Amino acid sequence: PNSEGARTTPSVVAFKKDLSHVRTGRASVHLLDGLMVEYYGSRTPLNQVAQVNAPEPTLLVIQPYDKTALTAIERAIHTSDLGLSPQNDGKLIRIPVPPLTEERRRELAKHVKKVAEDYRVSMRSHRRDGLEMLKELEKDKSITQDDHRLGHDKIEALTKEFIERLDKLVKAKEDEIMAV
């Protein structure tokens, strides 16, 4: 159970993490979570080479643990698809997070819906696998017809519950994206 008292699955947790990477109108340190930096010849996650803060709603500040990583961090941000323009002052990298245009907000909302649909398909696939397993168990006489029916109903209820939770998360993220 999570803080809301509801069950959670790895899929819901992963979906929340994926949503945290989607840019909204305000700066979030999670925006850079997946960013990899070329550091001493190996690709390293940004959070292992620098500290990221959001001191203001429209600004991210990156403070590298090693100043020699500044240009590598800056290059990683430039080559990412985040559309951000880092400003390197020799000690820190400041990234102003510009407000989103209406068109970009719509694109991001569409992207969120697409990611959610991928997770829904995954959950339905797990449901299908579970129902197939129940059929096999009943066919092998490992479970009774009543057990099969109970298992089937439980799988259907859980699938419905988690898809509804995904839909609520999508709605909340769309509202956050569309808020000006």
N, C-alpha and C. Protein backbone atom coordinates (compact mmCIF):
# COMPACT_ATOMS: atom_id res chain seq x y z
N PRO A 1 0.82 -1.20 0.00
CA PRO A 1 0.00 0.00 0.00
C PRO A 1 0.87 1.26 0.00
N ASN A 2 0.37 2.29 -0.63
CA ASN A 2 1.07 3.56 -0.62
C ASN A 2 0.44 4.48 0.40
N SER A 3 0.84 5.76 0.40
CA SER A 3 0.36 6.69 1.40
C SER A 3 -1.15 6.93 1.30
N GLU A 4 -1.75 6.65 0.15
CA GLU A 4 -3.18 6.83 -0.02
C GLU A 4 -3.94 5.60 0.44
N GLY A 5 -3.24 4.57 0.87
CA GLY A 5 -3.89 3.35 1.32
C GLY A 5 -4.27 2.42 0.18
N ALA A 6 -3.94 2.78 -1.04
CA ALA A 6 -4.28 1.95 -2.19
C ALA A 6 -3.10 1.07 -2.56
N ARG A 7 -3.42 -0.04 -3.22
CA ARG A 7 -2.35 -0.92 -3.70
C ARG A 7 -1.63 -0.23 -4.85
N THR A 8 -0.39 -0.64 -5.04
CA THR A 8 0.37 -0.10 -6.16
C THR A 8 1.09 -1.25 -6.85
N THR A 9 1.45 -1.03 -8.08
CA THR A 9 2.18 -2.04 -8.83
C THR A 9 3.45 -1.42 -9.37
N PRO A 10 4.40 -2.26 -9.78
CA PRO A 10 5.59 -1.70 -10.43
C PRO A 10 5.22 -0.86 -11.65
N SER A 11 4.15 -1.23 -12.35
CA SER A 11 3.73 -0.48 -13.53
C SER A 11 3.28 0.93 -13.15
N VAL A 12 2.51 1.05 -12.07
CA VAL A 12 2.04 2.37 -11.64
C VAL A 12 3.23 3.21 -11.18
N VAL A 13 4.15 2.60 -10.43
CA VAL A 13 5.34 3.32 -9.97
C VAL A 13 6.17 3.78 -11.17
N ALA A 14 6.38 2.90 -12.13
CA ALA A 14 7.15 3.26 -13.32
C ALA A 14 6.46 4.35 -14.12
N PHE A 15 5.13 4.28 -14.21
CA PHE A 15 4.37 5.30 -14.92
C PHE A 15 4.54 6.66 -14.25
N LYS A 16 4.45 6.69 -12.91
CA LYS A 16 4.65 7.95 -12.18
C LYS A 16 6.04 8.51 -12.45
N LYS A 17 7.03 7.62 -12.49
CA LYS A 17 8.40 8.07 -12.76
C LYS A 17 8.50 8.64 -14.17
N ASP A 18 7.89 7.95 -15.14
CA ASP A 18 7.91 8.46 -16.52
C ASP A 18 7.22 9.82 -16.61
N LEU A 19 6.12 9.98 -15.88
CA LEU A 19 5.41 11.26 -15.90
C LEU A 19 6.26 12.38 -15.29
N SER A 20 7.08 12.05 -14.31
CA SER A 20 7.90 13.09 -13.68
C SER A 20 8.92 13.67 -14.65
N HIS A 21 9.24 12.93 -15.72
CA HIS A 21 10.19 13.43 -16.72
C HIS A 21 9.53 14.35 -17.75
N VAL A 22 8.20 14.37 -17.78
CA VAL A 22 7.50 15.21 -18.76
C VAL A 22 7.49 16.63 -18.23
N ARG A 23 7.95 17.53 -19.06
CA ARG A 23 8.08 18.92 -18.67
C ARG A 23 6.73 19.60 -18.52
N THR A 24 6.61 20.38 -17.47
CA THR A 24 5.43 21.22 -17.29
C THR A 24 5.93 22.66 -17.31
N GLY A 25 5.12 23.60 -16.94
CA GLY A 25 5.51 25.00 -16.97
C GLY A 25 6.47 25.40 -15.87
N ARG A 26 6.76 24.50 -14.94
CA ARG A 26 7.65 24.86 -13.85
C ARG A 26 8.86 23.94 -13.80
N ALA A 27 9.93 24.47 -13.22
CA ALA A 27 11.18 23.72 -13.13
C ALA A 27 11.03 22.57 -12.14
N SER A 28 11.54 21.41 -12.50
CA SER A 28 11.54 20.25 -11.62
C SER A 28 12.87 19.53 -11.79
N VAL A 29 13.47 19.14 -10.67
CA VAL A 29 14.75 18.42 -10.75
C VAL A 29 14.58 17.09 -11.46
N HIS A 30 13.37 16.54 -11.47
CA HIS A 30 13.11 15.26 -12.14
C HIS A 30 13.17 15.38 -13.65
N LEU A 31 13.12 16.60 -14.14
CA LEU A 31 13.20 16.84 -15.58
C LEU A 31 14.50 16.28 -16.15
N LEU A 32 15.56 16.27 -15.33
CA LEU A 32 16.88 15.83 -15.79
C LEU A 32 17.24 14.43 -15.30
N ASP A 33 16.29 13.70 -14.71
CA ASP A 33 16.58 12.38 -14.13
C ASP A 33 17.22 11.40 -15.10
N GLY A 34 16.76 11.34 -16.33
CA GLY A 34 17.28 10.35 -17.25
C GLY A 34 18.51 10.80 -18.01
N LEU A 35 19.02 11.99 -17.72
CA LEU A 35 20.13 12.56 -18.47
C LEU A 35 21.45 11.85 -18.14
N MET A 36 22.14 11.41 -19.18
CA MET A 36 23.43 10.74 -19.02
C MET A 36 24.54 11.68 -19.49
N VAL A 37 25.62 11.75 -18.73
CA VAL A 37 26.74 12.64 -19.01
C VAL A 37 27.96 11.79 -19.35
N GLU A 38 28.68 12.19 -20.39
CA GLU A 38 29.93 11.52 -20.77
C GLU A 38 31.00 12.02 -19.80
N TYR A 39 31.36 11.19 -18.81
CA TYR A 39 32.25 11.61 -17.73
C TYR A 39 33.41 10.62 -17.62
N TYR A 40 34.61 11.09 -17.91
CA TYR A 40 35.81 10.25 -17.92
C TYR A 40 35.62 8.98 -18.73
N GLY A 41 35.06 9.13 -19.92
CA GLY A 41 34.94 8.03 -20.86
C GLY A 41 33.75 7.10 -20.66
N SER A 42 32.93 7.35 -19.67
CA SER A 42 31.76 6.49 -19.50
C SER A 42 30.50 7.34 -19.30
N ARG A 43 29.39 6.77 -19.73
CA ARG A 43 28.11 7.47 -19.59
C ARG A 43 27.62 7.30 -18.15
N THR A 44 27.45 8.43 -17.48
CA THR A 44 27.11 8.45 -16.07
C THR A 44 25.84 9.27 -15.85
N PRO A 45 24.93 8.81 -15.00
CA PRO A 45 23.73 9.61 -14.72
C PRO A 45 24.12 10.98 -14.12
N LEU A 46 23.41 12.01 -14.52
CA LEU A 46 23.69 13.37 -14.06
C LEU A 46 23.73 13.45 -12.54
N ASN A 47 22.79 12.78 -11.86
CA ASN A 47 22.74 12.89 -10.41
C ASN A 47 23.96 12.28 -9.71
N GLN A 48 24.82 11.56 -10.44
CA GLN A 48 26.05 11.02 -9.86
C GLN A 48 27.25 11.94 -10.05
N VAL A 49 27.09 12.95 -10.93
CA VAL A 49 28.20 13.88 -11.15
C VAL A 49 27.88 15.29 -10.70
N ALA A 50 26.61 15.54 -10.32
CA ALA A 50 26.23 16.90 -9.93
C ALA A 50 24.98 16.89 -9.06
N GLN A 51 24.82 17.99 -8.35
CA GLN A 51 23.61 18.20 -7.55
C GLN A 51 22.70 19.12 -8.35
N VAL A 52 21.42 18.76 -8.46
CA VAL A 52 20.44 19.55 -9.22
C VAL A 52 19.43 20.13 -8.24
N ASN A 53 19.20 21.44 -8.35
CA ASN A 53 18.22 22.12 -7.50
C ASN A 53 17.29 22.95 -8.36
N ALA A 54 16.12 23.23 -7.82
CA ALA A 54 15.16 24.13 -8.47
C ALA A 54 14.84 25.25 -7.48
N PRO A 55 15.72 26.27 -7.39
CA PRO A 55 15.52 27.33 -6.40
C PRO A 55 14.32 28.23 -6.70
N GLU A 56 13.93 28.28 -7.95
CA GLU A 56 12.78 29.08 -8.37
C GLU A 56 11.92 28.23 -9.30
N PRO A 57 10.63 28.60 -9.47
CA PRO A 57 9.76 27.81 -10.35
C PRO A 57 10.19 27.82 -11.83
N THR A 58 11.06 28.75 -12.21
CA THR A 58 11.47 28.83 -13.61
C THR A 58 12.98 28.67 -13.78
N LEU A 59 13.66 28.05 -12.79
CA LEU A 59 15.11 27.93 -12.88
C LEU A 59 15.59 26.62 -12.27
N LEU A 60 16.48 25.95 -13.00
CA LEU A 60 17.20 24.79 -12.47
C LEU A 60 18.67 25.20 -12.31
N VAL A 61 19.30 24.74 -11.24
CA VAL A 61 20.72 25.02 -11.02
C VAL A 61 21.42 23.69 -10.82
N ILE A 62 22.51 23.51 -11.59
CA ILE A 62 23.30 22.28 -11.51
C ILE A 62 24.67 22.64 -10.97
N GLN A 63 25.04 21.99 -9.87
CA GLN A 63 26.36 22.22 -9.28
C GLN A 63 27.13 20.91 -9.33
N PRO A 64 28.12 20.83 -10.25
CA PRO A 64 28.88 19.57 -10.38
C PRO A 64 29.78 19.35 -9.16
N TYR A 65 29.98 18.07 -8.85
CA TYR A 65 30.88 17.73 -7.76
C TYR A 65 32.32 17.96 -8.19
N ASP A 66 32.56 17.87 -9.49
CA ASP A 66 33.88 18.07 -10.09
C ASP A 66 33.70 19.10 -11.21
N LYS A 67 34.36 20.26 -11.08
CA LYS A 67 34.17 21.34 -12.06
C LYS A 67 34.58 20.95 -13.48
N THR A 68 35.41 19.91 -13.62
CA THR A 68 35.81 19.49 -14.97
C THR A 68 34.64 18.86 -15.73
N ALA A 69 33.56 18.55 -15.02
CA ALA A 69 32.39 17.94 -15.66
C ALA A 69 31.43 18.99 -16.24
N LEU A 70 31.69 20.27 -15.99
CA LEU A 70 30.78 21.33 -16.46
C LEU A 70 30.47 21.25 -17.95
N THR A 71 31.49 21.16 -18.78
CA THR A 71 31.24 21.15 -20.23
C THR A 71 30.54 19.87 -20.67
N ALA A 72 30.85 18.75 -20.03
CA ALA A 72 30.18 17.49 -20.37
C ALA A 72 28.69 17.56 -20.01
N ILE A 73 28.38 18.16 -18.86
CA ILE A 73 26.98 18.32 -18.44
C ILE A 73 26.26 19.24 -19.42
N GLU A 74 26.90 20.34 -19.74
CA GLU A 74 26.30 21.30 -20.67
C GLU A 74 26.03 20.64 -22.03
N ARG A 75 26.99 19.86 -22.52
CA ARG A 75 26.84 19.17 -23.80
C ARG A 75 25.67 18.17 -23.75
N ALA A 76 25.56 17.44 -22.64
CA ALA A 76 24.48 16.46 -22.48
C ALA A 76 23.11 17.15 -22.52
N ILE A 77 23.01 18.31 -21.92
CA ILE A 77 21.74 19.05 -21.91
C ILE A 77 21.42 19.54 -23.32
N HIS A 78 22.44 20.08 -24.01
CA HIS A 78 22.23 20.57 -25.38
C HIS A 78 21.79 19.46 -26.32
N THR A 79 22.37 18.26 -26.19
CA THR A 79 22.07 17.18 -27.12
C THR A 79 20.80 16.41 -26.74
N SER A 80 20.25 16.68 -25.55
CA SER A 80 19.01 16.00 -25.15
C SER A 80 17.85 16.61 -25.93
N ASP A 81 16.69 15.96 -25.84
CA ASP A 81 15.51 16.47 -26.53
C ASP A 81 14.64 17.33 -25.61
N LEU A 82 15.25 17.88 -24.56
CA LEU A 82 14.50 18.66 -23.59
C LEU A 82 14.22 20.09 -24.05
N GLY A 83 14.99 20.58 -25.02
CA GLY A 83 14.77 21.92 -25.52
C GLY A 83 15.16 23.00 -24.51
N LEU A 84 16.17 22.74 -23.70
CA LEU A 84 16.61 23.69 -22.69
C LEU A 84 17.94 24.31 -23.10
N SER A 85 18.18 25.54 -22.63
CA SER A 85 19.42 26.25 -22.96
C SER A 85 20.22 26.52 -21.69
N PRO A 86 21.22 25.66 -21.40
CA PRO A 86 22.01 25.85 -20.18
C PRO A 86 22.95 27.04 -20.29
N GLN A 87 23.19 27.68 -19.15
CA GLN A 87 24.12 28.81 -19.08
C GLN A 87 25.21 28.45 -18.08
N ASN A 88 26.44 28.32 -18.56
CA ASN A 88 27.58 27.90 -17.77
C ASN A 88 28.36 29.14 -17.32
N ASP A 89 28.52 29.33 -16.00
CA ASP A 89 29.29 30.48 -15.52
C ASP A 89 30.67 30.07 -15.00
N GLY A 90 31.07 28.82 -15.23
CA GLY A 90 32.38 28.34 -14.78
C GLY A 90 32.30 27.60 -13.45
N LYS A 91 31.24 27.80 -12.69
CA LYS A 91 31.06 27.12 -11.40
C LYS A 91 29.76 26.33 -11.37
N LEU A 92 28.72 26.92 -11.94
CA LEU A 92 27.39 26.34 -11.94
C LEU A 92 26.82 26.38 -13.36
N ILE A 93 25.80 25.57 -13.57
CA ILE A 93 25.03 25.67 -14.81
C ILE A 93 23.62 26.07 -14.40
N ARG A 94 23.16 27.16 -14.96
CA ARG A 94 21.80 27.62 -14.71
C ARG A 94 20.97 27.31 -15.95
N ILE A 95 19.79 26.79 -15.73
CA ILE A 95 18.91 26.47 -16.86
C ILE A 95 17.58 27.17 -16.63
N PRO A 96 17.35 28.25 -17.37
CA PRO A 96 16.02 28.86 -17.27
C PRO A 96 15.00 27.95 -17.95
N VAL A 97 13.87 27.75 -17.29
CA VAL A 97 12.81 26.90 -17.85
C VAL A 97 11.74 27.85 -18.37
N PRO A 98 11.74 28.05 -19.69
CA PRO A 98 10.78 29.01 -20.26
C PRO A 98 9.36 28.46 -20.18
N PRO A 99 8.39 29.39 -20.15
CA PRO A 99 7.00 28.92 -20.15
C PRO A 99 6.70 28.17 -21.45
N LEU A 100 5.81 27.21 -21.36
CA LEU A 100 5.44 26.42 -22.53
C LEU A 100 4.45 27.17 -23.41
N THR A 101 4.59 26.99 -24.72
CA THR A 101 3.60 27.55 -25.64
C THR A 101 2.37 26.65 -25.61
N GLU A 102 1.26 27.18 -26.07
CA GLU A 102 0.01 26.39 -26.10
C GLU A 102 0.20 25.14 -26.95
N GLU A 103 0.88 25.29 -28.09
CA GLU A 103 1.11 24.16 -28.99
C GLU A 103 1.95 23.08 -28.29
N ARG A 104 3.01 23.51 -27.59
CA ARG A 104 3.88 22.56 -26.89
C ARG A 104 3.12 21.87 -25.76
N ARG A 105 2.23 22.59 -25.08
CA ARG A 105 1.42 21.99 -24.02
C ARG A 105 0.55 20.87 -24.59
N ARG A 106 -0.04 21.13 -25.74
CA ARG A 106 -0.89 20.11 -26.38
C ARG A 106 -0.06 18.88 -26.78
N GLU A 107 1.15 19.13 -27.33
CA GLU A 107 2.04 18.02 -27.70
C GLU A 107 2.39 17.17 -26.48
N LEU A 108 2.71 17.85 -25.37
CA LEU A 108 3.08 17.12 -24.15
C LEU A 108 1.89 16.32 -23.61
N ALA A 109 0.70 16.91 -23.66
CA ALA A 109 -0.50 16.20 -23.20
C ALA A 109 -0.73 14.96 -24.06
N LYS A 110 -0.52 15.10 -25.37
CA LYS A 110 -0.68 13.96 -26.28
C LYS A 110 0.37 12.88 -25.96
N HIS A 111 1.59 13.32 -25.67
CA HIS A 111 2.66 12.39 -25.32
C HIS A 111 2.30 11.61 -24.04
N VAL A 112 1.75 12.31 -23.04
CA VAL A 112 1.36 11.67 -21.79
C VAL A 112 0.30 10.60 -22.07
N LYS A 113 -0.66 10.92 -22.93
CA LYS A 113 -1.71 9.94 -23.27
C LYS A 113 -1.12 8.72 -23.96
N LYS A 114 -0.12 8.93 -24.83
CA LYS A 114 0.51 7.82 -25.54
C LYS A 114 1.27 6.91 -24.55
N VAL A 115 2.01 7.53 -23.64
CA VAL A 115 2.74 6.75 -22.64
C VAL A 115 1.76 5.95 -21.78
N ALA A 116 0.65 6.59 -21.40
CA ALA A 116 -0.37 5.91 -20.59
C ALA A 116 -0.96 4.73 -21.35
N GLU A 117 -1.19 4.90 -22.64
CA GLU A 117 -1.76 3.79 -23.43
C GLU A 117 -0.78 2.62 -23.47
N ASP A 118 0.52 2.90 -23.57
CA ASP A 118 1.52 1.83 -23.54
C ASP A 118 1.42 1.04 -22.23
N TYR A 119 1.24 1.75 -21.11
CA TYR A 119 1.11 1.08 -19.82
C TYR A 119 -0.21 0.30 -19.73
N ARG A 120 -1.29 0.85 -20.29
CA ARG A 120 -2.57 0.13 -20.30
C ARG A 120 -2.43 -1.18 -21.07
N VAL A 121 -1.78 -1.12 -22.23
CA VAL A 121 -1.56 -2.32 -23.04
C VAL A 121 -0.76 -3.35 -22.24
N SER A 122 0.25 -2.88 -21.53
CA SER A 122 1.07 -3.78 -20.71
C SER A 122 0.22 -4.44 -19.62
N MET A 123 -0.64 -3.65 -18.97
CA MET A 123 -1.49 -4.21 -17.92
C MET A 123 -2.48 -5.22 -18.49
N ARG A 124 -3.02 -4.93 -19.67
CA ARG A 124 -3.95 -5.88 -20.29
C ARG A 124 -3.23 -7.17 -20.68
N SER A 125 -1.98 -7.03 -21.07
CA SER A 125 -1.18 -8.20 -21.41
C SER A 125 -0.97 -9.07 -20.17
N HIS A 126 -0.70 -8.44 -19.04
CA HIS A 126 -0.55 -9.20 -17.79
C HIS A 126 -1.87 -9.87 -17.42
N ARG A 127 -2.98 -9.17 -17.65
CA ARG A 127 -4.30 -9.75 -17.37
C ARG A 127 -4.49 -11.00 -18.23
N ARG A 128 -4.18 -10.89 -19.53
CA ARG A 128 -4.34 -12.04 -20.45
C ARG A 128 -3.48 -13.21 -19.97
N ASP A 129 -2.23 -12.93 -19.58
CA ASP A 129 -1.35 -14.00 -19.11
C ASP A 129 -1.91 -14.67 -17.86
N GLY A 130 -2.45 -13.86 -16.94
CA GLY A 130 -3.04 -14.41 -15.72
C GLY A 130 -4.25 -15.28 -16.02
N LEU A 131 -5.10 -14.82 -16.94
CA LEU A 131 -6.29 -15.60 -17.29
C LEU A 131 -5.91 -16.90 -17.99
N GLU A 132 -4.88 -16.86 -18.83
CA GLU A 132 -4.39 -18.08 -19.49
C GLU A 132 -3.87 -19.07 -18.44
N MET A 133 -3.17 -18.54 -17.45
CA MET A 133 -2.62 -19.41 -16.40
C MET A 133 -3.77 -20.08 -15.64
N LEU A 134 -4.82 -19.32 -15.34
CA LEU A 134 -5.98 -19.91 -14.65
C LEU A 134 -6.60 -21.03 -15.48
N LYS A 135 -6.74 -20.81 -16.81
CA LYS A 135 -7.30 -21.85 -17.69
C LYS A 135 -6.46 -23.12 -17.63
N GLU A 136 -5.14 -22.93 -17.69
CA GLU A 136 -4.24 -24.09 -17.67
C GLU A 136 -4.35 -24.84 -16.33
N LEU A 137 -4.43 -24.08 -15.23
CA LEU A 137 -4.54 -24.72 -13.92
C LEU A 137 -5.84 -25.50 -13.80
N GLU A 138 -6.93 -24.93 -14.33
CA GLU A 138 -8.21 -25.64 -14.27
C GLU A 138 -8.18 -26.88 -15.17
N LYS A 139 -7.57 -26.74 -16.34
CA LYS A 139 -7.47 -27.86 -17.28
C LYS A 139 -6.65 -29.01 -16.68
N ASP A 140 -5.60 -28.65 -15.94
CA ASP A 140 -4.74 -29.66 -15.29
C ASP A 140 -5.35 -30.16 -13.97
N LYS A 141 -6.54 -29.67 -13.63
CA LYS A 141 -7.24 -30.06 -12.41
C LYS A 141 -6.49 -29.62 -11.15
N SER A 142 -5.67 -28.56 -11.27
CA SER A 142 -4.97 -28.02 -10.10
C SER A 142 -5.87 -27.10 -9.30
N ILE A 143 -6.87 -26.51 -9.98
CA ILE A 143 -7.85 -25.66 -9.29
C ILE A 143 -9.25 -26.06 -9.76
N THR A 144 -10.23 -25.69 -8.95
CA THR A 144 -11.62 -26.01 -9.31
C THR A 144 -12.18 -24.93 -10.22
N GLN A 145 -13.34 -25.21 -10.76
CA GLN A 145 -14.02 -24.23 -11.61
C GLN A 145 -14.36 -22.97 -10.80
N ASP A 146 -14.73 -23.15 -9.54
CA ASP A 146 -15.04 -22.01 -8.66
C ASP A 146 -13.78 -21.17 -8.42
N ASP A 147 -12.64 -21.85 -8.18
CA ASP A 147 -11.37 -21.12 -8.00
C ASP A 147 -11.03 -20.34 -9.26
N HIS A 148 -11.27 -20.95 -10.41
CA HIS A 148 -11.00 -20.28 -11.68
C HIS A 148 -11.85 -19.02 -11.79
N ARG A 149 -13.14 -19.15 -11.46
CA ARG A 149 -14.05 -18.01 -11.55
C ARG A 149 -13.62 -16.90 -10.58
N LEU A 150 -13.28 -17.29 -9.34
CA LEU A 150 -12.83 -16.30 -8.34
C LEU A 150 -11.55 -15.60 -8.80
N GLY A 151 -10.60 -16.38 -9.30
CA GLY A 151 -9.35 -15.81 -9.81
C GLY A 151 -9.60 -14.87 -10.98
N HIS A 152 -10.48 -15.29 -11.87
CA HIS A 152 -10.83 -14.47 -13.04
C HIS A 152 -11.40 -13.13 -12.59
N ASP A 153 -12.35 -13.18 -11.65
CA ASP A 153 -12.98 -11.95 -11.16
C ASP A 153 -11.96 -11.03 -10.48
N LYS A 154 -11.04 -11.64 -9.73
CA LYS A 154 -10.04 -10.84 -9.02
C LYS A 154 -9.07 -10.18 -10.02
N ILE A 155 -8.65 -10.93 -11.03
CA ILE A 155 -7.76 -10.37 -12.06
C ILE A 155 -8.44 -9.22 -12.78
N GLU A 156 -9.69 -9.40 -13.15
CA GLU A 156 -10.44 -8.35 -13.85
C GLU A 156 -10.58 -7.11 -12.96
N ALA A 157 -10.88 -7.30 -11.67
CA ALA A 157 -11.06 -6.16 -10.76
C ALA A 157 -9.75 -5.40 -10.57
N LEU A 158 -8.65 -6.14 -10.39
CA LEU A 158 -7.35 -5.48 -10.22
C LEU A 158 -6.94 -4.72 -11.48
N THR A 159 -7.16 -5.33 -12.63
CA THR A 159 -6.81 -4.65 -13.89
C THR A 159 -7.60 -3.36 -14.01
N LYS A 160 -8.89 -3.44 -13.73
CA LYS A 160 -9.75 -2.24 -13.81
C LYS A 160 -9.27 -1.17 -12.82
N GLU A 161 -8.94 -1.59 -11.60
CA GLU A 161 -8.49 -0.64 -10.57
C GLU A 161 -7.22 0.09 -11.01
N PHE A 162 -6.25 -0.66 -11.53
CA PHE A 162 -4.98 -0.03 -11.88
C PHE A 162 -5.10 0.83 -13.14
N ILE A 163 -5.95 0.45 -14.07
CA ILE A 163 -6.15 1.28 -15.25
C ILE A 163 -6.85 2.59 -14.84
N GLU A 164 -7.79 2.51 -13.90
CA GLU A 164 -8.44 3.72 -13.39
C GLU A 164 -7.42 4.62 -12.70
N ARG A 165 -6.48 4.03 -11.96
CA ARG A 165 -5.43 4.83 -11.30
C ARG A 165 -4.55 5.51 -12.34
N LEU A 166 -4.21 4.80 -13.41
CA LEU A 166 -3.44 5.41 -14.50
C LEU A 166 -4.20 6.59 -15.09
N ASP A 167 -5.50 6.40 -15.32
CA ASP A 167 -6.32 7.46 -15.90
C ASP A 167 -6.33 8.70 -15.00
N LYS A 168 -6.40 8.50 -13.68
CA LYS A 168 -6.37 9.63 -12.75
C LYS A 168 -5.02 10.35 -12.81
N LEU A 169 -3.94 9.58 -12.90
CA LEU A 169 -2.61 10.18 -13.00
C LEU A 169 -2.48 10.98 -14.30
N VAL A 170 -3.01 10.44 -15.40
CA VAL A 170 -2.96 11.14 -16.68
C VAL A 170 -3.72 12.45 -16.58
N LYS A 171 -4.90 12.40 -16.01
CA LYS A 171 -5.73 13.61 -15.88
C LYS A 171 -5.00 14.67 -15.06
N ALA A 172 -4.40 14.26 -13.95
CA ALA A 172 -3.67 15.21 -13.09
C ALA A 172 -2.49 15.81 -13.84
N LYS A 173 -1.76 14.99 -14.60
CA LYS A 173 -0.60 15.50 -15.33
C LYS A 173 -1.04 16.43 -16.45
N GLU A 174 -2.13 16.09 -17.14
CA GLU A 174 -2.64 16.98 -18.20
C GLU A 174 -3.04 18.32 -17.60
N ASP A 175 -3.71 18.29 -16.45
CA ASP A 175 -4.10 19.55 -15.80
C ASP A 175 -2.87 20.37 -15.45
N GLU A 176 -1.82 19.70 -14.97
CA GLU A 176 -0.58 20.38 -14.61
C GLU A 176 0.08 20.98 -15.86
N ILE A 177 0.09 20.24 -16.95
CA ILE A 177 0.69 20.73 -18.19
C ILE A 177 -0.09 21.92 -18.77
N MET A 178 -1.40 21.81 -18.74
CA MET A 178 -2.23 22.84 -19.36
C MET A 178 -2.38 24.09 -18.49
N ALA A 179 -2.02 24.02 -17.20
CA ALA A 179 -2.11 25.20 -16.33
C ALA A 179 -1.10 26.25 -16.79
N VAL A 180 -1.58 27.46 -16.95
CA VAL A 180 -0.70 28.53 -17.45
C VAL A 180 -0.11 29.30 -16.29
